[in-house]
Protein backbone atom coordinates (compact mmCIF):
# COMPACT_ATOMS: atom_id res chain seq x y z
CA MET A 1 -35.32 -0.65 48.39
CA TRP A 2 -39.17 1.10 49.76
CA LYS A 3 -38.69 3.27 46.88
CA LEU A 4 -38.40 0.78 44.22
CA THR A 5 -41.21 -1.83 45.71
CA ARG A 6 -43.55 0.99 47.49
CA PRO A 7 -42.76 4.23 45.61
CA ASP A 8 -46.34 5.80 46.95
CA ASN A 9 -45.27 5.50 50.72
CA GLN A 10 -43.81 8.24 52.55
CA HIS A 11 -41.94 6.04 54.53
CA ASP A 12 -40.16 2.60 54.95
CA LYS A 13 -41.29 0.88 57.75
CA LEU A 14 -43.92 -1.64 55.59
CA VAL A 15 -40.37 -2.71 53.15
CA ARG A 16 -38.54 -3.04 56.62
CA ASP A 17 -40.92 -5.07 58.47
CA SER A 18 -40.78 -7.39 54.96
CA LEU A 19 -36.97 -7.64 55.42
CA LEU A 20 -36.70 -8.54 58.99
CA ASP A 21 -39.40 -11.09 58.51
CA LEU A 22 -37.01 -12.39 55.67
CA GLU A 23 -34.11 -12.42 57.71
CA ASP A 24 -36.14 -14.04 60.54
CA HIS A 25 -36.76 -17.02 57.91
CA GLN A 26 -32.98 -16.91 56.65
CA LEU A 27 -33.72 -15.62 52.95
CA VAL A 28 -31.75 -12.23 53.42
CA ARG A 29 -29.16 -10.66 55.52
CA ILE A 30 -27.82 -7.31 56.09
CA GLU A 31 -24.83 -6.31 53.69
CA LEU A 32 -23.70 -3.23 55.17
CA VAL A 33 -24.99 0.16 56.78
CA ARG A 34 -23.56 2.56 54.95
CA GLU A 35 -22.93 6.04 56.78
CA ASP A 36 -26.33 7.54 56.70
CA GLN A 37 -27.15 4.31 58.76
CA ARG A 38 -29.07 3.06 55.83
CA GLN A 39 -28.82 -0.70 55.31
CA VAL A 40 -27.65 -2.54 52.37
CA TRP A 41 -29.81 -6.15 52.00
CA VAL A 42 -28.73 -8.97 49.82
CA LEU A 43 -30.25 -12.18 49.28
CA THR A 44 -28.67 -15.69 51.67
CA LYS A 45 -28.28 -18.72 49.78
CA ARG A 46 -31.41 -20.08 50.62
CA GLY A 47 -33.31 -16.83 49.73
CA HIS A 48 -31.11 -16.91 46.38
CA GLY A 49 -32.52 -20.34 45.60
CA GLU A 50 -36.00 -19.42 46.58
CA ALA A 51 -35.88 -16.29 44.04
CA LYS A 52 -34.83 -18.62 41.22
CA LYS A 53 -37.44 -20.75 41.85
CA LEU A 54 -39.86 -17.51 41.91
CA LEU A 55 -38.62 -15.86 38.84
CA GLU A 56 -36.99 -17.72 36.42
CA PRO A 57 -40.24 -19.65 34.84
CA LYS A 58 -41.47 -16.59 34.16
CA GLY A 59 -38.10 -15.22 32.22
CA ILE A 60 -36.88 -12.89 35.20
CA ARG A 61 -32.85 -13.77 35.67
CA VAL A 62 -31.69 -13.01 39.26
CA SER A 63 -28.37 -11.76 39.80
CA ALA A 64 -25.25 -13.88 41.12
CA LEU A 65 -25.23 -14.60 44.47
CA ARG A 66 -23.75 -12.45 47.12
CA GLU A 67 -21.51 -14.87 49.57
CA GLU A 68 -20.45 -13.78 52.61
CA LYS A 69 -16.71 -12.78 52.89
CA TYR A 70 -14.81 -12.04 56.36
CA ASP A 71 -11.81 -10.29 57.63
CA PRO A 72 -9.50 -13.66 58.00
CA VAL A 73 -8.02 -10.86 60.99
CA THR A 74 -10.63 -9.70 62.44
CA GLY A 75 -13.55 -11.92 61.46
CA LYS A 76 -15.45 -8.73 60.04
CA LEU A 77 -17.89 -9.29 57.21
CA LEU A 78 -16.60 -7.84 54.48
CA GLY A 79 -19.11 -5.73 52.44
CA ALA A 80 -17.30 -3.19 51.27
CA SER A 81 -18.40 -3.96 47.53
CA TYR A 82 -21.66 -2.65 48.30
CA ASP A 83 -20.84 0.74 47.85
CA ASP A 84 -22.33 3.87 46.98
CA HIS A 85 -22.24 3.12 43.38
CA ALA A 86 -24.60 0.34 44.28
CA ALA A 87 -27.11 2.61 46.00
CA ALA A 88 -26.88 4.59 43.04
CA VAL A 89 -27.81 2.08 41.15
CA THR A 90 -30.74 1.12 42.96
CA SER A 91 -31.91 4.85 43.39
CA THR A 92 -31.57 5.22 39.50
CA ALA A 93 -34.09 1.95 39.15
CA ALA A 94 -36.34 3.41 41.69
CA GLU A 95 -36.45 6.49 40.03
CA LEU A 96 -37.34 5.17 36.62
CA HIS A 97 -40.16 2.71 38.62
CA ARG A 98 -41.57 5.77 39.96
CA ALA A 99 -41.91 7.73 36.91
CA GLY A 100 -44.04 4.64 35.19
CA ILE A 101 -40.50 3.57 33.51
CA GLY A 102 -39.89 -0.12 34.01
CA HIS A 103 -41.88 -2.63 36.17
CA ARG A 104 -40.11 -3.87 39.29
CA LEU A 105 -39.22 -7.34 37.47
CA GLY A 106 -37.94 -5.70 34.62
CA PHE A 107 -34.58 -4.36 36.11
CA GLN A 108 -31.45 -6.35 35.69
CA THR A 109 -28.26 -5.37 37.80
CA GLU A 110 -24.22 -6.49 36.29
CA ILE A 111 -25.61 -7.62 32.87
CA ALA A 112 -22.97 -8.98 30.81
CA HIS A 113 -22.43 -8.43 27.24
CA ARG A 114 -19.35 -10.83 25.74
CA LEU A 115 -17.11 -8.81 23.28
CA GLY A 116 -15.49 -11.12 20.49
CA ASN A 117 -11.74 -11.22 21.87
CA GLY A 118 -13.67 -12.86 25.10
CA TYR A 119 -13.96 -9.15 27.44
CA VAL A 120 -17.00 -8.96 29.53
CA GLN A 121 -18.96 -5.48 29.59
CA ARG A 122 -20.95 -5.66 32.42
CA ALA A 123 -23.85 -2.66 32.41
CA ASP A 124 -24.95 -1.56 35.30
CA LEU A 125 -28.89 -1.61 34.98
CA VAL A 126 -31.00 -2.57 32.26
CA VAL A 127 -34.19 -1.54 32.29
CA ARG A 128 -37.08 -3.04 30.24
CA ALA A 129 -40.35 -0.85 29.89
CA PRO A 130 -42.13 -1.11 26.36
CA GLU A 131 -45.17 0.19 28.04
CA ALA A 132 -43.51 3.36 28.50
CA GLY A 133 -42.04 3.60 25.01
CA VAL A 134 -38.42 1.92 26.33
CA PRO A 135 -38.14 -1.48 25.20
CA VAL A 136 -34.72 -1.61 26.60
CA LEU A 137 -32.43 0.92 27.86
CA LEU A 138 -28.81 0.39 29.04
CA LEU A 139 -27.57 2.21 32.41
CA GLU A 140 -24.09 3.13 33.35
CA ILE A 141 -24.08 4.80 36.96
CA ASP A 142 -21.14 7.45 37.44
CA ARG A 143 -19.90 8.93 40.59
CA ARG A 144 -17.27 10.13 38.99
CA SER A 145 -15.05 7.41 39.93
CA GLU A 146 -13.67 6.61 35.95
CA ASP A 147 -12.38 9.25 34.06
CA ALA A 148 -14.35 10.43 30.89
CA HIS A 149 -12.31 8.42 28.28
CA ASP A 150 -12.58 5.36 30.35
CA LEU A 151 -16.48 6.19 29.68
CA VAL A 152 -15.93 6.34 25.67
CA VAL A 153 -14.36 2.95 25.95
CA LYS A 154 -17.33 1.55 27.39
CA LEU A 155 -19.35 3.33 24.77
CA ARG A 156 -16.87 1.65 22.28
CA ARG A 157 -17.37 -1.66 23.20
CA TYR A 158 -21.23 -1.70 23.53
CA TRP A 159 -20.88 -0.13 20.04
CA GLU A 160 -18.61 -3.21 19.19
CA TRP A 161 -20.97 -5.39 20.93
CA GLY A 162 -23.79 -4.73 18.84
CA ARG A 163 -22.25 -5.54 15.57
CA LEU A 164 -21.40 -8.88 16.85
CA LEU A 165 -23.04 -11.88 15.13
CA PRO A 166 -24.44 -15.07 16.74
CA LYS A 167 -22.29 -17.87 17.05
CA ASP A 168 -25.04 -19.89 14.51
CA ALA A 169 -25.25 -17.00 11.76
CA ASP A 170 -25.29 -18.40 8.38
CA LYS A 171 -22.28 -19.23 6.09
CA HIS A 172 -22.61 -16.38 3.81
CA THR A 173 -23.25 -13.52 6.49
CA VAL A 174 -20.43 -14.92 8.35
CA ASP A 175 -17.88 -14.49 5.28
CA LEU A 176 -19.22 -11.13 4.25
CA VAL A 177 -18.51 -10.21 7.73
CA ARG A 178 -15.02 -11.67 7.30
CA SER A 179 -14.64 -9.84 3.60
CA ARG A 180 -14.12 -6.24 5.00
CA PRO A 181 -14.72 -4.27 8.24
CA ASP A 182 -17.76 -2.50 7.51
CA ALA A 183 -19.72 -5.18 6.31
CA ILE A 184 -21.68 -5.41 9.10
CA GLU A 185 -22.99 -2.54 8.32
CA HIS A 186 -25.20 -4.28 5.28
CA VAL A 187 -26.37 -6.98 8.03
CA ASP A 188 -30.03 -6.74 9.35
CA HIS A 189 -29.94 -6.00 12.84
CA ASP A 190 -32.33 -9.20 12.82
CA LYS A 191 -29.39 -10.98 11.79
CA ARG A 192 -27.18 -10.03 15.00
CA LEU A 193 -26.71 -11.07 18.55
CA TRP A 194 -28.14 -8.10 20.14
CA ARG A 195 -31.57 -9.14 18.75
CA ARG A 196 -31.11 -12.33 20.67
CA ILE A 197 -30.66 -10.97 23.93
CA TYR A 198 -33.17 -7.31 23.82
CA PRO A 199 -36.24 -6.98 21.52
CA PRO A 200 -36.35 -4.22 18.90
CA THR A 201 -36.04 -1.16 20.04
CA GLY A 202 -38.53 0.74 17.69
CA ARG A 203 -36.06 3.26 16.80
CA GLU A 204 -33.28 3.29 14.37
CA GLY A 205 -29.59 2.19 15.83
CA LEU A 206 -28.11 -0.39 18.47
CA VAL A 207 -29.67 -0.92 22.32
CA PRO A 208 -29.56 2.80 23.74
CA LEU A 209 -27.45 3.85 26.81
CA ALA A 210 -27.99 6.26 29.60
CA PHE A 211 -25.05 7.65 31.41
CA VAL A 212 -26.17 8.65 34.95
CA PHE A 213 -23.88 10.72 37.14
CA ALA A 214 -24.11 11.23 40.84
CA ASP A 215 -22.63 12.72 43.37
CA THR A 216 -20.73 15.13 41.13
CA THR A 217 -20.80 18.85 39.90
CA GLU A 218 -22.52 20.09 37.25
CA ALA A 219 -18.97 21.23 35.65
CA LYS A 220 -17.91 17.68 35.61
CA VAL A 221 -20.65 16.35 34.05
CA ASP A 222 -20.15 19.56 30.99
CA ASN A 223 -16.56 17.96 30.97
CA THR A 224 -17.58 14.43 30.75
CA VAL A 225 -20.17 14.85 28.15
CA ALA A 226 -17.82 16.80 25.67
CA VAL A 227 -15.55 14.59 25.77
CA LEU A 228 -17.98 11.86 24.99
CA GLU A 229 -19.08 13.72 22.24
CA GLU A 230 -15.97 14.83 20.83
CA ALA A 231 -13.99 11.21 21.81
CA GLY A 232 -16.98 8.90 21.03
CA ARG A 233 -18.87 10.63 17.76
CA ARG A 234 -17.72 7.51 15.89
CA TYR A 235 -19.70 5.70 18.18
CA TRP A 236 -22.68 7.90 18.68
CA ALA A 237 -22.89 10.58 16.06
CA PRO A 238 -25.45 9.75 12.90
CA ARG A 239 -24.26 9.66 9.13
CA ARG A 240 -25.60 11.40 6.52
CA TYR A 241 -27.51 9.43 3.87
CA ASP A 242 -25.88 8.30 0.68
CA THR A 243 -28.72 9.98 -1.54
CA LEU A 244 -29.06 11.75 -5.14
CA TYR A 245 -30.52 14.64 -3.49
CA PRO A 246 -27.64 15.76 -0.99
CA LYS A 247 -28.66 19.46 -0.51
CA ALA A 248 -32.62 18.60 -0.35
CA VAL A 249 -31.71 15.54 2.27
CA THR A 250 -30.89 16.98 5.84
CA ALA A 251 -32.10 13.91 7.80
CA ARG A 252 -29.25 11.84 9.32
CA ASP A 253 -28.61 7.98 9.67
CA TYR A 254 -28.53 6.63 12.86
CA ARG A 255 -28.80 2.72 12.06
CA GLN A 256 -25.28 1.97 12.67
CA ALA A 257 -25.15 4.18 16.20
CA VAL A 258 -25.60 3.90 20.15
CA PRO A 259 -28.07 6.68 20.91
CA VAL A 260 -26.50 7.88 23.66
CA VAL A 261 -28.68 9.99 26.48
CA ILE A 262 -27.06 11.60 29.52
CA THR A 263 -28.38 12.74 33.19
CA THR A 264 -28.09 12.91 36.70
CA LEU A 265 -29.42 10.82 39.74
CA GLU A 266 -29.99 14.45 41.20
CA GLN A 267 -32.04 15.86 38.38
CA LEU A 268 -34.20 12.55 38.83
CA GLN A 269 -34.85 12.73 42.53
CA GLU A 270 -35.83 16.17 42.12
CA HIS A 271 -37.83 16.28 39.41
CA GLY A 272 -38.34 12.83 38.36
CA ALA A 273 -37.51 10.18 35.73
CA GLY A 274 -40.30 11.22 33.05
CA ALA A 275 -39.41 14.78 33.22
CA ALA A 276 -37.49 16.66 30.80
CA VAL A 277 -33.84 15.41 32.10
CA TRP A 278 -32.27 13.54 29.27
CA ARG A 279 -29.93 15.47 27.08
CA ARG A 280 -29.13 13.27 23.93
CA LEU A 281 -25.71 13.67 22.54
CA GLY A 282 -25.12 15.74 19.93
CA ARG A 283 -28.14 17.95 20.71
CA THR A 284 -28.62 20.68 23.27
CA GLY A 285 -31.41 20.96 25.71
CA ASP A 286 -32.88 18.71 28.08
CA GLN A 287 -36.20 16.00 27.07
CA THR A 288 -37.76 13.61 28.23
CA LEU A 289 -36.39 10.03 28.01
CA THR A 290 -38.47 9.19 24.72
CA ASP A 291 -37.89 12.23 23.55
CA ALA A 292 -34.39 12.02 23.85
CA LEU A 293 -34.40 8.39 22.43
CA ASP A 294 -36.46 9.84 19.31
CA ASN A 295 -34.77 10.36 16.81
CA PRO A 296 -37.09 13.31 14.34
CA ASP A 297 -34.11 13.95 11.87
CA GLY A 298 -33.83 10.23 11.02
CA HIS A 299 -35.40 8.00 8.92
CA ALA A 300 -38.63 8.50 8.72
CA LEU A 301 -37.55 12.35 7.51
CA TYR A 302 -35.39 10.91 5.44
CA ARG A 303 -38.57 9.15 3.45
CA ALA A 304 -40.55 11.92 3.17
CA GLN A 305 -37.75 14.33 2.28
CA GLU A 306 -36.39 11.77 -0.49
CA ALA A 307 -40.32 11.36 -1.78
CA ARG A 308 -40.34 15.34 -2.16
CA ALA A 309 -37.40 15.72 -3.66
CA ASP A 310 -38.06 12.45 -6.40
CA ALA A 311 -41.02 14.33 -7.02
CA ALA A 312 -39.82 17.86 -7.34
CA ASP A 313 -36.58 15.97 -9.63
CA GLN A 314 -39.57 14.28 -11.83
CA ARG A 315 -41.25 17.80 -12.19
CA ARG A 316 -37.86 19.50 -13.32
CA ARG A 317 -36.99 16.98 -15.62
CA ALA A 318 -40.88 16.82 -17.24
CA ALA A 319 -40.57 20.56 -17.31
CA GLN A 320 -37.46 20.11 -19.22
CA ARG A 321 -38.25 17.59 -21.76
CA GLU A 322 -41.55 19.70 -22.18
CA ALA A 323 -39.11 22.63 -23.42
CA GLN A 324 -37.13 20.73 -25.79
CA ARG A 325 -40.14 18.54 -27.27
CA PRO A 326 -40.31 19.88 -31.41
CA VAL A 327 -42.88 22.22 -32.82
CA CYS A 328 -44.71 21.38 -36.23
CA ALA A 329 -43.17 23.36 -38.95
CA ARG A 330 -46.47 23.55 -40.79
CA CYS A 331 -48.97 23.98 -38.35
CA GLY A 332 -47.00 25.27 -35.40
CA ARG A 333 -48.33 21.86 -32.76
CA LYS A 334 -46.01 20.35 -30.56
CA PHE A 335 -45.32 16.50 -31.45
CA SER A 336 -46.63 14.18 -29.28
CA ASP A 337 -44.86 11.56 -27.12
CA GLU A 338 -45.58 8.82 -29.57
CA ARG A 339 -44.35 11.44 -32.90
CA TRP A 340 -41.78 12.63 -30.89
CA GLU A 341 -40.17 8.91 -30.13
CA GLU A 342 -40.78 8.02 -33.99
CA ILE A 343 -38.60 10.49 -35.36
CA THR A 344 -36.04 10.11 -32.45
CA VAL A 345 -35.28 5.48 -32.58
CA HIS A 346 -33.74 4.38 -35.30
CA ARG A 347 -35.63 1.86 -35.60
CA THR A 348 -38.56 4.11 -36.57
CA ALA A 349 -37.00 7.12 -38.27
CA VAL A 350 -36.49 5.85 -41.47
CA ARG A 351 -40.31 5.30 -41.73
CA ALA A 352 -41.05 8.94 -40.09
CA GLY A 353 -40.93 10.72 -42.93
CA ASP A 354 -40.75 14.50 -42.99
CA LYS A 355 -39.43 14.71 -39.40
CA SER A 356 -40.54 18.63 -39.09
CA VAL A 357 -44.32 17.79 -39.27
CA CYS A 358 -46.39 16.45 -36.10
CA GLY A 359 -48.45 13.34 -36.26
CA PRO A 360 -51.67 14.81 -37.77
CA CYS A 361 -49.86 16.57 -40.41
CA ARG A 362 -47.73 13.28 -40.98
CA ALA A 363 -51.14 11.31 -41.07
CA ASP A 364 -52.34 13.93 -43.65
CA ASP A 365 -49.03 13.66 -45.86
CA VAL A 366 -49.70 9.77 -45.40
CA ALA A 367 -53.23 10.07 -46.34
CA ARG A 368 -52.42 12.18 -49.52
CA GLN A 369 -49.67 10.08 -50.57
CA GLU A 370 -52.14 6.96 -50.08
CA ALA A 371 -54.45 8.53 -52.53
CA ALA A 372 -52.19 9.40 -55.10
CA ALA A 373 -51.05 5.85 -55.32
CA GLU A 374 -54.70 4.75 -55.00
CA ALA A 375 -55.88 7.02 -57.95
CA ALA A 376 -52.27 5.43 -59.83
CA ARG A 377 -53.42 1.81 -59.22
CA LEU A 378 -57.04 2.60 -61.00
CA ALA A 379 -55.93 4.15 -63.49
CA ASP A 380 -53.28 1.47 -64.40
CA ALA A 381 -56.35 -1.10 -63.96
CA ALA A 382 -59.08 0.50 -66.49
CA PRO A 383 -59.54 -1.14 -70.13
CA GLU A 384 -58.48 0.19 -73.06
CA PRO A 385 -60.78 1.93 -75.90
CA GLU A 386 -61.82 -0.33 -79.21
CA ASP A 387 -60.39 1.43 -82.54
CA ASP A 388 -62.87 2.44 -85.46
CA PRO A 389 -66.25 1.03 -84.40
CA GLU A 390 -68.40 -0.58 -87.55
CA PRO A 391 -71.77 1.15 -87.70
CA ASP A 392 -74.99 -0.74 -87.14
CA ARG A 393 -77.48 0.34 -89.67
CA SER A 394 -80.50 -1.80 -88.77
CA ARG A 395 -80.94 -0.02 -85.14
CA GLY A 396 -79.30 3.36 -86.27
CA TRP A 397 -76.35 2.48 -83.76
CA PHE A 398 -72.76 1.60 -84.41
CA ARG A 399 -71.88 -1.76 -84.19
CA ARG A 400 -68.13 -2.39 -82.57
CA ARG A 401 -65.94 -5.04 -84.94
CA THR A 402 -65.33 -8.51 -83.83
């Protein structure tokens, strides 16, 4: 607890004194004492009510009240449910907070995600740290008490939850989704249920998921990761973009995938959650959390590659068209676009004249034809000469007969 509330303190005395003071006011109690003598504290009913009044107006959800349960035979307080798993969850939150990933009130535990069939998938920890580049992150803490295939099932459930519609979705969208299984992929994320609960992630895909392994060996982690990568590929793996340029576009489509990152509690405690201790499924090597969640080969790369491929295709088409451009049989010049269109389009080809000559040569032909026509018109309009003119003897001129 002291690592979460006072990450810069080297000792927990201040936190212990605060808890003892809260215990005197019957606001907290000790749930159990672990084997290493570390105590697990929880809120009492009175403390739970006080916390709800203090935090809920600010939008902070308070976990469910931990009721005191006693053994019916011995009368001993039962606290076995808060075991090492709960301590690992708290330690994970503390390491994230110590690295500046998440405010103290930005952590929530045991958050329910109800599926369409009524099953509730509870996240061990939910972190909201937009200031650290992680608007939301779901975490599953595993002390290797679960089989690797059980983790695949959890991944599938989060994937299914991310594809649900809210109850008040419009009828057109509901009918579209019911029409075929993959229709939800054509529904924007803003219209899905998960966006009613969590903010946009700032990246493609559904809500990111992290598996944090504790108290286990590196070999077991590697085996679990191998199972997650193989059996859970449908849920975390990106797809190829449907593009006109499949050879030029190498980017991947993450829009329907759950980003999944892996680490261990031991790595977080040794190097810090802000270090390169996170591994993204489908990649090799460790990265920082934000780098692991980013998609450098995603939609931004797709837009750039698509634009480059489209520009290259336009240049190729232009070069191909230029190679096919007709050449004037008279002067040797290439046809203009207007003249090329004139000789090929049906409605203009009938008036295009000699289709083997370019526009200027065609204009010369038209000019000559118009000049010849004008000369013929003038010749037809000239008056005919009169016959046998009569001489005018008085003036020495010939006079025409009337």
